[in-house]
Each structure stands twice: as C-alpha cells, then as structure tokens.
Amino acid sequence: MLGGESSPNDVGAYLCFHLKLRASHLLVAPYSEYQEFLYQTISKHLEMGWNYQQSADWLNDNGYTTLRGKRFGNAHTHSIVKKKKMRESRITKFYESELTDFQLRFVDKTILNEDP
C-alpha cells in the first residue's frame, strides 16, 4: 500500500543494544598439586622469617626441583609467590557488565511486503 494508510501491524519496533560481559575466571588453568605445594611451602617459610634464598636452599636440600627439573634459586622462589598472587588477583577481579548504544528502531513492513 504505497502512500496509503498503514495499520499498527505494518510497523515493527526493535530495541538494539550492545552488551559487554567479561569473566576473567573462565580461561585459567588449574594449579597442579605440586605447584600448590611449592607455593604453600615457600609462603610458610616467608611467614617464619626466611628469605627467598633460604627457602630455595631448603627445597634443593630436600630433593625438590622446579617444574622443569632445575634447582631452585632466589628468583625461582620469588617468582612462584609473585605469580600466584597475580593469578589470584586476576581470577577474583569482578567486572561490571556494560550496556551501551541503546537504539529504538522502527521498520515499515509494508515496504518489505509490497508485491512488484
């Protein structure tokens, strides 16, 4: 009905928007039991007043190795604690969802349904 009257059924209304969701905990590989053991052991040593080198020496003296089979050093023990704290911070971070770009669009269906 070109140029004629249109009924309310001839117009479609659409609400358009963008939704942004972030979830930081979904793509995190779990710690192995050995990794957790190393972190807990080093943390316990730090609580007792030991430094990272003393903790590394204790691990080496008791036959423990890094995940790649190497001897522990000061940097290794420090890195284990640092990375675990960074990991926990990233996993527990909460992101607010965002709704943006709200638009209400109307489509005249008479143009779409018109016969040639």
PDB file of N, CA and C in Angstrom:
ATOM      1  N   MET A   1       0.845  -1.172   0.000  1.00  0.00           N
ATOM      2  CA  MET A   1       0.000   0.000   0.000  1.00  0.00           C
ATOM      3  C   MET A   1       0.887   1.231   0.000  1.00  0.00           C
ATOM      4  N   LEU A   2       1.408   1.547  -1.117  1.00  0.00           N
ATOM      5  CA  LEU A   2       2.301   2.684  -1.229  1.00  0.00           C
ATOM      6  C   LEU A   2       1.519   3.974  -1.108  1.00  0.00           C
ATOM      7  N   GLY A   3       1.894   4.802  -0.133  1.00  0.00           N
ATOM      8  CA  GLY A   3       1.233   6.082   0.062  1.00  0.00           C
ATOM      9  C   GLY A   3      -0.121   5.973   0.725  1.00  0.00           C
ATOM     10  N   GLY A   4      -0.558   4.759   1.064  1.00  0.00           N
ATOM     11  CA  GLY A   4      -1.863   4.586   1.689  1.00  0.00           C
ATOM     12  C   GLY A   4      -1.754   4.556   3.200  1.00  0.00           C
ATOM     13  N   GLU A   5      -2.877   4.194   3.804  1.00  0.00           N
ATOM     14  CA  GLU A   5      -2.924   4.086   5.253  1.00  0.00           C
ATOM     15  C   GLU A   5      -2.172   2.826   5.696  1.00  0.00           C
ATOM     16  N   SER A   6      -1.521   2.887   6.851  1.00  0.00           N
ATOM     17  CA  SER A   6      -0.860   1.697   7.391  1.00  0.00           C
ATOM     18  C   SER A   6      -1.424   1.413   8.772  1.00  0.00           C
ATOM     19  N   SER A   7      -1.506   0.151   9.108  1.00  0.00           N
ATOM     20  CA  SER A   7      -2.010  -0.252  10.417  1.00  0.00           C
ATOM     21  C   SER A   7      -0.829  -0.426  11.371  1.00  0.00           C
ATOM     22  N   PRO A   8      -1.092  -0.505  12.682  1.00  0.00           N
ATOM     23  CA  PRO A   8      -0.004  -0.718  13.642  1.00  0.00           C
ATOM     24  C   PRO A   8       0.755  -2.020  13.399  1.00  0.00           C
ATOM     25  N   ASN A   9       0.122  -2.994  12.762  1.00  0.00           N
ATOM     26  CA  ASN A   9       0.791  -4.260  12.473  1.00  0.00           C
ATOM     27  C   ASN A   9       1.811  -4.128  11.348  1.00  0.00           C
ATOM     28  N   ASP A  10       1.774  -3.007  10.616  1.00  0.00           N
ATOM     29  CA  ASP A  10       2.689  -2.812   9.498  1.00  0.00           C
ATOM     30  C   ASP A  10       4.029  -2.221   9.936  1.00  0.00           C
ATOM     31  N   VAL A  11       4.185  -1.914  11.233  1.00  0.00           N
ATOM     32  CA  VAL A  11       5.419  -1.318  11.730  1.00  0.00           C
ATOM     33  C   VAL A  11       5.991  -2.213  12.824  1.00  0.00           C
ATOM     34  N   GLY A  12       7.249  -2.570  12.667  1.00  0.00           N
ATOM     35  CA  GLY A  12       7.930  -3.372  13.686  1.00  0.00           C
ATOM     36  C   GLY A  12       8.874  -2.498  14.487  1.00  0.00           C
ATOM     37  N   ALA A  13       8.925  -2.684  15.792  1.00  0.00           N
ATOM     38  CA  ALA A  13       9.813  -1.915  16.665  1.00  0.00           C
ATOM     39  C   ALA A  13      10.868  -2.859  17.231  1.00  0.00           C
ATOM     40  N   TYR A  14      12.106  -2.417  17.207  1.00  0.00           N
ATOM     41  CA  TYR A  14      13.225  -3.229  17.680  1.00  0.00           C
ATOM     42  C   TYR A  14      14.098  -2.406  18.615  1.00  0.00           C
ATOM     43  N   LEU A  15      14.425  -2.999  19.756  1.00  0.00           N
ATOM     44  CA  LEU A  15      15.361  -2.379  20.695  1.00  0.00           C
ATOM     45  C   LEU A  15      16.729  -2.999  20.429  1.00  0.00           C
ATOM     46  N   CYS A  16      17.696  -2.175  20.082  1.00  0.00           N
ATOM     47  CA  CYS A  16      19.045  -2.646  19.770  1.00  0.00           C
ATOM     48  C   CYS A  16      20.017  -2.101  20.808  1.00  0.00           C
ATOM     49  N   PHE A  17      20.954  -2.931  21.226  1.00  0.00           N
ATOM     50  CA  PHE A  17      21.947  -2.502  22.207  1.00  0.00           C
ATOM     51  C   PHE A  17      23.157  -3.432  22.120  1.00  0.00           C
ATOM     52  N   HIS A  18      24.244  -3.020  22.760  1.00  0.00           N
ATOM     53  CA  HIS A  18      25.456  -3.835  22.865  1.00  0.00           C
ATOM     54  C   HIS A  18      25.622  -4.215  24.328  1.00  0.00           C
ATOM     55  N   LEU A  19      25.900  -5.478  24.580  1.00  0.00           N
ATOM     56  CA  LEU A  19      26.137  -5.979  25.926  1.00  0.00           C
ATOM     57  C   LEU A  19      27.568  -6.490  25.993  1.00  0.00           C
ATOM     58  N   LYS A  20      28.329  -5.978  26.962  1.00  0.00           N
ATOM     59  CA  LYS A  20      29.716  -6.397  27.130  1.00  0.00           C
ATOM     60  C   LYS A  20      29.849  -7.112  28.468  1.00  0.00           C
ATOM     61  N   LEU A  21      30.234  -8.393  28.424  1.00  0.00           N
ATOM     62  CA  LEU A  21      30.446  -9.194  29.622  1.00  0.00           C
ATOM     63  C   LEU A  21      31.897  -9.659  29.654  1.00  0.00           C
ATOM     64  N   ARG A  22      32.507  -9.572  30.823  1.00  0.00           N
ATOM     65  CA  ARG A  22      33.873 -10.065  30.996  1.00  0.00           C
ATOM     66  C   ARG A  22      33.897 -11.002  32.188  1.00  0.00           C
ATOM     67  N   ALA A  23      34.531 -12.143  31.999  1.00  0.00           N
ATOM     68  CA  ALA A  23      34.678 -13.116  33.083  1.00  0.00           C
ATOM     69  C   ALA A  23      36.117 -13.611  33.055  1.00  0.00           C
ATOM     70  N   SER A  24      36.900 -13.184  34.010  1.00  0.00           N
ATOM     71  CA  SER A  24      38.323 -13.498  33.998  1.00  0.00           C
ATOM     72  C   SER A  24      38.638 -14.884  34.524  1.00  0.00           C
ATOM     73  N   HIS A  25      37.709 -15.550  35.164  1.00  0.00           N
ATOM     74  CA  HIS A  25      37.988 -16.835  35.789  1.00  0.00           C
ATOM     75  C   HIS A  25      37.741 -18.040  34.873  1.00  0.00           C
ATOM     76  N   LEU A  26      37.305 -17.829  33.661  1.00  0.00           N
ATOM     77  CA  LEU A  26      36.931 -18.953  32.806  1.00  0.00           C
ATOM     78  C   LEU A  26      38.096 -19.608  32.073  1.00  0.00           C
ATOM     79  N   LEU A  27      39.137 -18.864  31.786  1.00  0.00           N
ATOM     80  CA  LEU A  27      40.239 -19.396  30.985  1.00  0.00           C
ATOM     81  C   LEU A  27      41.516 -19.587  31.801  1.00  0.00           C
ATOM     82  N   VAL A  28      41.389 -20.030  33.025  1.00  0.00           N
ATOM     83  CA  VAL A  28      42.546 -20.180  33.890  1.00  0.00           C
ATOM     84  C   VAL A  28      42.803 -21.660  34.126  1.00  0.00           C
ATOM     85  N   ALA A  29      44.005 -22.102  33.780  1.00  0.00           N
ATOM     86  CA  ALA A  29      44.363 -23.495  34.016  1.00  0.00           C
ATOM     87  C   ALA A  29      44.550 -23.713  35.516  1.00  0.00           C
ATOM     88  N   PRO A  30      44.077 -24.827  36.028  1.00  0.00           N
ATOM     89  CA  PRO A  30      44.233 -25.083  37.464  1.00  0.00           C
ATOM     90  C   PRO A  30      45.691 -25.343  37.834  1.00  0.00           C
ATOM     91  N   TYR A  31      46.036 -24.997  39.057  1.00  0.00           N
ATOM     92  CA  TYR A  31      47.373 -25.289  39.581  1.00  0.00           C
ATOM     93  C   TYR A  31      47.467 -26.785  39.847  1.00  0.00           C
ATOM     94  N   SER A  32      48.628 -27.348  39.578  1.00  0.00           N
ATOM     95  CA  SER A  32      48.841 -28.752  39.921  1.00  0.00           C
ATOM     96  C   SER A  32      49.075 -28.845  41.431  1.00  0.00           C
ATOM     97  N   GLU A  33      48.982 -30.052  41.957  1.00  0.00           N
ATOM     98  CA  GLU A  33      49.231 -30.247  43.389  1.00  0.00           C
ATOM     99  C   GLU A  33      50.655 -29.826  43.742  1.00  0.00           C
ATOM    100  N   TYR A  34      51.596 -30.122  42.848  1.00  0.00           N
ATOM    101  CA  TYR A  34      52.994 -29.780  43.105  1.00  0.00           C
ATOM    102  C   TYR A  34      53.194 -28.263  43.133  1.00  0.00           C
ATOM    103  N   GLN A  35      52.566 -27.546  42.205  1.00  0.00           N
ATOM    104  CA  GLN A  35      52.664 -26.087  42.200  1.00  0.00           C
ATOM    105  C   GLN A  35      52.079 -25.497  43.476  1.00  0.00           C
ATOM    106  N   GLU A  36      50.948 -26.031  43.892  1.00  0.00           N
ATOM    107  CA  GLU A  36      50.319 -25.553  45.128  1.00  0.00           C
ATOM    108  C   GLU A  36      51.213 -25.858  46.330  1.00  0.00           C
ATOM    109  N   PHE A  37      51.815 -27.050  46.331  1.00  0.00           N
ATOM    110  CA  PHE A  37      52.734 -27.420  47.417  1.00  0.00           C
ATOM    111  C   PHE A  37      53.911 -26.446  47.483  1.00  0.00           C
ATOM    112  N   LEU A  38      54.507 -26.139  46.339  1.00  0.00           N
ATOM    113  CA  LEU A  38      55.644 -25.213  46.321  1.00  0.00           C
ATOM    114  C   LEU A  38      55.242 -23.842  46.863  1.00  0.00           C
ATOM    115  N   TYR A  39      54.102 -23.348  46.412  1.00  0.00           N
ATOM    116  CA  TYR A  39      53.640 -22.039  46.879  1.00  0.00           C
ATOM    117  C   TYR A  39      53.400 -22.052  48.386  1.00  0.00           C
ATOM    118  N   GLN A  40      52.698 -23.070  48.872  1.00  0.00           N
ATOM    119  CA  GLN A  40      52.399 -23.156  50.309  1.00  0.00           C
ATOM    120  C   GLN A  40      53.675 -23.275  51.130  1.00  0.00           C
ATOM    121  N   THR A  41      54.633 -24.062  50.666  1.00  0.00           N
ATOM    122  CA  THR A  41      55.896 -24.257  51.387  1.00  0.00           C
ATOM    123  C   THR A  41      56.690 -22.954  51.458  1.00  0.00           C
ATOM    124  N   ILE A  42      56.814 -22.284  50.331  1.00  0.00           N
ATOM    125  CA  ILE A  42      57.576 -21.020  50.302  1.00  0.00           C
ATOM    126  C   ILE A  42      56.878 -19.971  51.166  1.00  0.00           C
ATOM    127  N   SER A  43      55.535 -19.910  51.089  1.00  0.00           N
ATOM    128  CA  SER A  43      54.790 -18.946  51.901  1.00  0.00           C
ATOM    129  C   SER A  43      54.986 -19.216  53.391  1.00  0.00           C
ATOM    130  N   LYS A  44      54.978 -20.490  53.762  1.00  0.00           N
ATOM    131  CA  LYS A  44      55.196 -20.859  55.170  1.00  0.00           C
ATOM    132  C   LYS A  44      56.595 -20.418  55.617  1.00  0.00           C
ATOM    133  N   HIS A  45      57.587 -20.621  54.762  1.00  0.00           N
ATOM    134  CA  HIS A  45      58.957 -20.194  55.086  1.00  0.00           C
ATOM    135  C   HIS A  45      59.029 -18.677  55.259  1.00  0.00           C
ATOM    136  N   LEU A  46      58.354 -17.941  54.384  1.00  0.00           N
ATOM    137  CA  LEU A  46      58.354 -16.477  54.491  1.00  0.00           C
ATOM    138  C   LEU A  46      57.701 -16.021  55.792  1.00  0.00           C
ATOM    139  N   GLU A  47      56.626 -16.697  56.191  1.00  0.00           N
ATOM    140  CA  GLU A  47      55.960 -16.369  57.457  1.00  0.00           C
ATOM    141  C   GLU A  47      56.870 -16.623  58.654  1.00  0.00           C
ATOM    142  N   MET A  48      57.763 -17.606  58.509  1.00  0.00           N
ATOM    143  CA  MET A  48      58.712 -17.919  59.592  1.00  0.00           C
ATOM    144  C   MET A  48      59.892 -16.954  59.597  1.00  0.00           C
ATOM    145  N   GLY A  49      59.936 -16.030  58.639  1.00  0.00           N
ATOM    146  CA  GLY A  49      61.012 -15.045  58.602  1.00  0.00           C
ATOM    147  C   GLY A  49      62.150 -15.392  57.658  1.00  0.00           C
ATOM    148  N   TRP A  50      62.013 -16.469  56.905  1.00  0.00           N
ATOM    149  CA  TRP A  50      63.055 -16.837  55.955  1.00  0.00           C
ATOM    150  C   TRP A  50      62.983 -15.908  54.758  1.00  0.00           C
ATOM    151  N   ASN A  51      64.098 -15.805  54.028  1.00  0.00           N
ATOM    152  CA  ASN A  51      64.074 -15.071  52.767  1.00  0.00           C
ATOM    153  C   ASN A  51      63.935 -16.072  51.621  1.00  0.00           C
ATOM    154  N   TYR A  52      63.848 -15.554  50.404  1.00  0.00           N
ATOM    155  CA  TYR A  52      63.628 -16.428  49.240  1.00  0.00           C
ATOM    156  C   TYR A  52      64.793 -17.382  49.013  1.00  0.00           C
ATOM    157  N   GLN A  53      66.018 -16.945  49.267  1.00  0.00           N
ATOM    158  CA  GLN A  53      67.178 -17.811  49.065  1.00  0.00           C
ATOM    159  C   GLN A  53      67.182 -18.963  50.067  1.00  0.00           C
ATOM    160  N   GLN A  54      66.834 -18.678  51.304  1.00  0.00           N
ATOM    161  CA  GLN A  54      66.776 -19.744  52.308  1.00  0.00           C
ATOM    162  C   GLN A  54      65.707 -20.774  51.946  1.00  0.00           C
ATOM    163  N   SER A  55      64.600 -20.311  51.438  1.00  0.00           N
ATOM    164  CA  SER A  55      63.541 -21.223  51.005  1.00  0.00           C
ATOM    165  C   SER A  55      64.007 -22.060  49.817  1.00  0.00           C
ATOM    166  N   ALA A  56      64.702 -21.441  48.878  1.00  0.00           N
ATOM    167  CA  ALA A  56      65.240 -22.172  47.717  1.00  0.00           C
ATOM    168  C   ALA A  56      66.238 -23.232  48.176  1.00  0.00           C
ATOM    169  N   ASP A  57      67.100 -22.858  49.120  1.00  0.00           N
ATOM    170  CA  ASP A  57      68.088 -23.825  49.636  1.00  0.00           C
ATOM    171  C   ASP A  57      67.390 -25.007  50.299  1.00  0.00           C
ATOM    172  N   TRP A  58      66.342 -24.746  51.072  1.00  0.00           N
ATOM    173  CA  TRP A  58      65.608 -25.825  51.739  1.00  0.00           C
ATOM    174  C   TRP A  58      64.989 -26.766  50.706  1.00  0.00           C
ATOM    175  N   LEU A  59      64.367 -26.201  49.659  1.00  0.00           N
ATOM    176  CA  LEU A  59      63.764 -27.036  48.615  1.00  0.00           C
ATOM    177  C   LEU A  59      64.819 -27.896  47.925  1.00  0.00           C
ATOM    178  N   ASN A  60      65.948 -27.292  47.597  1.00  0.00           N
ATOM    179  CA  ASN A  60      67.037 -28.041  46.950  1.00  0.00           C
ATOM    180  C   ASN A  60      67.578 -29.133  47.868  1.00  0.00           C
ATOM    181  N   ASP A  61      67.788 -28.808  49.141  1.00  0.00           N
ATOM    182  CA  ASP A  61      68.340 -29.777  50.102  1.00  0.00           C
ATOM    183  C   ASP A  61      67.400 -30.952  50.341  1.00  0.00           C
ATOM    184  N   ASN A  62      66.099 -30.730  50.127  1.00  0.00           N
ATOM    185  CA  ASN A  62      65.116 -31.793  50.350  1.00  0.00           C
ATOM    186  C   ASN A  62      64.689 -32.491  49.062  1.00  0.00           C
ATOM    187  N   GLY A  63      65.428 -32.263  47.979  1.00  0.00           N
ATOM    188  CA  GLY A  63      65.222 -33.008  46.740  1.00  0.00           C
ATOM    189  C   GLY A  63      64.123 -32.495  45.823  1.00  0.00           C
ATOM    190  N   TYR A  64      63.619 -31.318  46.069  1.00  0.00           N
ATOM    191  CA  TYR A  64      62.591 -30.761  45.187  1.00  0.00           C
ATOM    192  C   TYR A  64      63.254 -30.017  44.035  1.00  0.00           C
ATOM    193  N   THR A  65      62.582 -30.033  42.873  1.00  0.00           N
ATOM    194  CA  THR A  65      63.089 -29.304  41.709  1.00  0.00           C
ATOM    195  C   THR A  65      61.977 -28.412  41.168  1.00  0.00           C
ATOM    196  N   THR A  66      62.363 -27.500  40.290  1.00  0.00           N
ATOM    197  CA  THR A  66      61.371 -26.654  39.637  1.00  0.00           C
ATOM    198  C   THR A  66      60.532 -27.526  38.710  1.00  0.00           C
ATOM    199  N   LEU A  67      59.489 -26.964  38.135  1.00  0.00           N
ATOM    200  CA  LEU A  67      58.639 -27.748  37.233  1.00  0.00           C
ATOM    201  C   LEU A  67      59.400 -28.257  36.023  1.00  0.00           C
ATOM    202  N   ARG A  68      60.487 -27.596  35.687  1.00  0.00           N
ATOM    203  CA  ARG A  68      61.308 -28.027  34.547  1.00  0.00           C
ATOM    204  C   ARG A  68      62.498 -28.879  34.974  1.00  0.00           C
ATOM    205  N   GLY A  69      62.519 -29.302  36.230  1.00  0.00           N
ATOM    206  CA  GLY A  69      63.558 -30.201  36.703  1.00  0.00           C
ATOM    207  C   GLY A  69      64.863 -29.524  37.103  1.00  0.00           C
ATOM    208  N   LYS A  70      64.866 -28.243  37.285  1.00  0.00           N
ATOM    209  CA  LYS A  70      66.076 -27.498  37.648  1.00  0.00           C
ATOM    210  C   LYS A  70      66.135 -27.289  39.157  1.00  0.00           C
ATOM    211  N   ARG A  71      67.293 -26.824  39.614  1.00  0.00           N
ATOM    212  CA  ARG A  71      67.455 -26.458  41.020  1.00  0.00           C
ATOM    213  C   ARG A  71      66.814 -25.089  41.261  1.00  0.00           C
ATOM    214  N   PHE A  72      66.322 -24.890  42.459  1.00  0.00           N
ATOM    215  CA  PHE A  72      65.711 -23.619  42.814  1.00  0.00           C
ATOM    216  C   PHE A  72      66.765 -22.564  43.101  1.00  0.00           C
ATOM    217  N   GLY A  73      66.434 -21.348  42.768  1.00  0.00           N
ATOM    218  CA  GLY A  73      67.249 -20.197  43.114  1.00  0.00           C
ATOM    219  C   GLY A  73      66.361 -19.141  43.736  1.00  0.00           C
ATOM    220  N   ASN A  74      66.977 -18.083  44.182  1.00  0.00           N
ATOM    221  CA  ASN A  74      66.265 -16.967  44.792  1.00  0.00           C
ATOM    222  C   ASN A  74      65.149 -16.468  43.871  1.00  0.00           C
ATOM    223  N   ALA A  75      65.456 -16.292  42.598  1.00  0.00           N
ATOM    224  CA  ALA A  75      64.479 -15.765  41.634  1.00  0.00           C
ATOM    225  C   ALA A  75      63.307 -16.727  41.432  1.00  0.00           C
ATOM    226  N   HIS A  76      63.585 -18.039  41.458  1.00  0.00           N
ATOM    227  CA  HIS A  76      62.505 -19.012  41.268  1.00  0.00           C
ATOM    228  C   HIS A  76      61.473 -18.920  42.384  1.00  0.00           C
ATOM    229  N   THR A  77      61.946 -18.907  43.621  1.00  0.00           N
ATOM    230  CA  THR A  77      61.005 -18.884  44.740  1.00  0.00           C
ATOM    231  C   THR A  77      60.229 -17.569  44.779  1.00  0.00           C
ATOM    232  N   HIS A  78      60.910 -16.486  44.474  1.00  0.00           N
ATOM    233  CA  HIS A  78      60.225 -15.188  44.429  1.00  0.00           C
ATOM    234  C   HIS A  78      59.156 -15.185  43.335  1.00  0.00           C
ATOM    235  N   SER A  79      59.492 -15.732  42.180  1.00  0.00           N
ATOM    236  CA  SER A  79      58.578 -15.766  41.045  1.00  0.00           C
ATOM    237  C   SER A  79      57.329 -16.595  41.355  1.00  0.00           C
ATOM    238  N   ILE A  80      57.500 -17.701  42.058  1.00  0.00           N
ATOM    239  CA  ILE A  80      56.351 -18.558  42.396  1.00  0.00           C
ATOM    240  C   ILE A  80      55.343 -17.781  43.237  1.00  0.00           C
ATOM    241  N   VAL A  81      55.830 -17.067  44.242  1.00  0.00           N
ATOM    242  CA  VAL A  81      54.939 -16.302  45.116  1.00  0.00           C
ATOM    243  C   VAL A  81      54.315 -15.139  44.356  1.00  0.00           C
ATOM    244  N   LYS A  82      55.116 -14.433  43.583  1.00  0.00           N
ATOM    245  CA  LYS A  82      54.629 -13.268  42.837  1.00  0.00           C
ATOM    246  C   LYS A  82      53.548 -13.666  41.830  1.00  0.00           C
ATOM    247  N   LYS A  83      53.808 -14.731  41.068  1.00  0.00           N
ATOM    248  CA  LYS A  83      52.851 -15.148  40.043  1.00  0.00           C
ATOM    249  C   LYS A  83      51.556 -15.693  40.643  1.00  0.00           C
ATOM    250  N   LYS A  84      51.664 -16.368  41.783  1.00  0.00           N
ATOM    251  CA  LYS A  84      50.455 -16.880  42.436  1.00  0.00           C
ATOM    252  C   LYS A  84      49.582 -15.714  42.900  1.00  0.00           C
ATOM    253  N   LYS A  85      50.189 -14.675  43.456  1.00  0.00           N
ATOM    254  CA  LYS A  85      49.422 -13.511  43.908  1.00  0.00           C
ATOM    255  C   LYS A  85      48.787 -12.782  42.726  1.00  0.00           C
ATOM    256  N   MET A  86      49.518 -12.653  41.622  1.00  0.00           N
ATOM    257  CA  MET A  86      48.969 -12.015  40.422  1.00  0.00           C
ATOM    258  C   MET A  86      47.799 -12.832  39.873  1.00  0.00           C
ATOM    259  N   ARG A  87      47.960 -14.137  39.883  1.00  0.00           N
ATOM    260  CA  ARG A  87      46.924 -15.038  39.393  1.00  0.00           C
ATOM    261  C   ARG A  87      45.653 -14.897  40.219  1.00  0.00           C
ATOM    262  N   GLU A  88      45.791 -14.925  41.543  1.00  0.00           N
ATOM    263  CA  GLU A  88      44.634 -14.801  42.425  1.00  0.00           C
ATOM    264  C   GLU A  88      43.931 -13.461  42.233  1.00  0.00           C
ATOM    265  N   SER A  89      44.715 -12.418  42.052  1.00  0.00           N
ATOM    266  CA  SER A  89      44.146 -11.091  41.831  1.00  0.00           C
ATOM    267  C   SER A  89      43.341 -11.060  40.533  1.00  0.00           C
ATOM    268  N   ARG A  90      43.871 -11.672  39.489  1.00  0.00           N
ATOM    269  CA  ARG A  90      43.201 -11.689  38.190  1.00  0.00           C
ATOM    270  C   ARG A  90      41.936 -12.538  38.226  1.00  0.00           C
ATOM    271  N   ILE A  91      42.005 -13.683  38.893  1.00  0.00           N
ATOM    272  CA  ILE A  91      40.868 -14.595  38.934  1.00  0.00           C
ATOM    273  C   ILE A  91      39.707 -13.994  39.720  1.00  0.00           C
ATOM    274  N   THR A  92      40.006 -13.305  40.805  1.00  0.00           N
ATOM    275  CA  THR A  92      38.947 -12.800  41.678  1.00  0.00           C
ATOM    276  C   THR A  92      38.456 -11.409  41.290  1.00  0.00           C
ATOM    277  N   LYS A  93      39.034 -10.811  40.263  1.00  0.00           N
ATOM    278  CA  LYS A  93      38.602  -9.475  39.852  1.00  0.00           C
ATOM    279  C   LYS A  93      37.188  -9.538  39.288  1.00  0.00           C
ATOM    280  N   PHE A  94      36.366  -8.588  39.687  1.00  0.00           N
ATOM    281  CA  PHE A  94      34.979  -8.535  39.239  1.00  0.00           C
ATOM    282  C   PHE A  94      34.818  -7.412  38.222  1.00  0.00           C
ATOM    283  N   TYR A  95      34.183  -7.721  37.125  1.00  0.00           N
ATOM    284  CA  TYR A  95      33.922  -6.729  36.086  1.00  0.00           C
ATOM    285  C   TYR A  95      32.417  -6.477  36.006  1.00  0.00           C
ATOM    286  N   GLU A  96      32.042  -5.224  35.983  1.00  0.00           N
ATOM    287  CA  GLU A  96      30.641  -4.869  35.788  1.00  0.00           C
ATOM    288  C   GLU A  96      30.283  -5.094  34.318  1.00  0.00           C
ATOM    289  N   SER A  97      29.084  -5.586  34.073  1.00  0.00           N
ATOM    290  CA  SER A  97      28.622  -5.703  32.691  1.00  0.00           C
ATOM    291  C   SER A  97      28.223  -4.313  32.204  1.00  0.00           C
ATOM    292  N   GLU A  98      28.369  -4.098  30.906  1.00  0.00           N
ATOM    293  CA  GLU A  98      28.084  -2.790  30.328  1.00  0.00           C
ATOM    294  C   GLU A  98      27.037  -2.922  29.221  1.00  0.00           C
ATOM    295  N   LEU A  99      26.017  -2.106  29.306  1.00  0.00           N
ATOM    296  CA  LEU A  99      25.025  -1.995  28.245  1.00  0.00           C
ATOM    297  C   LEU A  99      25.202  -0.636  27.593  1.00  0.00           C
ATOM    298  N   THR A 100      25.415  -0.617  26.275  1.00  0.00           N
ATOM    299  CA  THR A 100      25.655   0.644  25.576  1.00  0.00           C
ATOM    300  C   THR A 100      24.899   0.675  24.255  1.00  0.00           C
ATOM    301  N   ASP A 101      24.927   1.803  23.619  1.00  0.00           N
ATOM    302  CA  ASP A 101      24.371   2.016  22.279  1.00  0.00           C
ATOM    303  C   ASP A 101      22.893   1.614  22.175  1.00  0.00           C
ATOM    304  N   PHE A 102      22.083   2.116  23.095  1.00  0.00           N
ATOM    305  CA  PHE A 102      20.648   1.838  23.024  1.00  0.00           C
ATOM    306  C   PHE A 102      20.029   2.574  21.844  1.00  0.00           C
ATOM    307  N   GLN A 103      19.246   1.844  21.071  1.00  0.00           N
ATOM    308  CA  GLN A 103      18.533   2.444  19.946  1.00  0.00           C
ATOM    309  C   GLN A 103      17.168   1.768  19.824  1.00  0.00           C
ATOM    310  N   LEU A 104      16.191   2.549  19.504  1.00  0.00           N
ATOM    311  CA  LEU A 104      14.874   2.011  19.196  1.00  0.00           C
ATOM    312  C   LEU A 104      14.667   2.224  17.707  1.00  0.00           C
ATOM    313  N   ARG A 105      14.526   1.132  16.973  1.00  0.00           N
ATOM    314  CA  ARG A 105      14.391   1.223  15.515  1.00  0.00           C
ATOM    315  C   ARG A 105      13.001   0.767  15.099  1.00  0.00           C
ATOM    316  N   PHE A 106      12.455   1.466  14.135  1.00  0.00           N
ATOM    317  CA  PHE A 106      11.147   1.131  13.584  1.00  0.00           C
ATOM    318  C   PHE A 106      11.326   0.734  12.123  1.00  0.00           C
ATOM    319  N   VAL A 107      10.662  -0.334  11.731  1.00  0.00           N
ATOM    320  CA  VAL A 107      10.732  -0.812  10.357  1.00  0.00           C
ATOM    321  C   VAL A 107       9.314  -0.849   9.797  1.00  0.00           C
ATOM    322  N   ASP A 108       9.136  -0.187   8.660  1.00  0.00           N
ATOM    323  CA  ASP A 108       7.836  -0.180   7.974  1.00  0.00           C
ATOM    324  C   ASP A 108       7.745  -1.465   7.160  1.00  0.00           C
ATOM    325  N   LYS A 109       6.926  -2.396   7.617  1.00  0.00           N
ATOM    326  CA  LYS A 109       6.822  -3.710   6.966  1.00  0.00           C
ATOM    327  C   LYS A 109       6.075  -3.650   5.630  1.00  0.00           C
ATOM    328  N   THR A 110       5.338  -2.577   5.384  1.00  0.00           N
ATOM    329  CA  THR A 110       4.600  -2.507   4.122  1.00  0.00           C
ATOM    330  C   THR A 110       5.566  -2.401   2.953  1.00  0.00           C
ATOM    331  N   ILE A 111       6.712  -1.778   3.161  1.00  0.00           N
ATOM    332  CA  ILE A 111       7.704  -1.687   2.098  1.00  0.00           C
ATOM    333  C   ILE A 111       8.311  -3.054   1.824  1.00  0.00           C
ATOM    334  N   LEU A 112       8.524  -3.852   2.879  1.00  0.00           N
ATOM    335  CA  LEU A 112       9.111  -5.178   2.724  1.00  0.00           C
ATOM    336  C   LEU A 112       8.146  -6.170   2.122  1.00  0.00           C
ATOM    337  N   ASN A 113       6.855  -6.024   2.392  1.00  0.00           N
ATOM    338  CA  ASN A 113       5.844  -6.991   1.937  1.00  0.00           C
ATOM    339  C   ASN A 113       5.153  -6.594   0.641  1.00  0.00           C
ATOM    340  N   GLU A 114       5.585  -5.520   0.027  1.00  0.00           N
ATOM    341  CA  GLU A 114       4.918  -4.992  -1.162  1.00  0.00           C
ATOM    342  C   GLU A 114       5.181  -5.901  -2.375  1.00  0.00           C
ATOM    343  N   ASP A 115       4.161  -6.224  -3.157  1.00  0.00           N
ATOM    344  CA  ASP A 115       4.299  -7.021  -4.365  1.00  0.00           C
ATOM    345  C   ASP A 115       4.725  -6.124  -5.522  1.00  0.00           C
ATOM    346  N   PRO A 116       5.643  -6.570  -6.386  1.00  0.00           N
ATOM    347  CA  PRO A 116       6.077  -5.752  -7.532  1.00  0.00           C
ATOM    348  C   PRO A 116       5.051  -5.625  -8.631  1.00  0.00           C
TER     349      PRO A 116
END
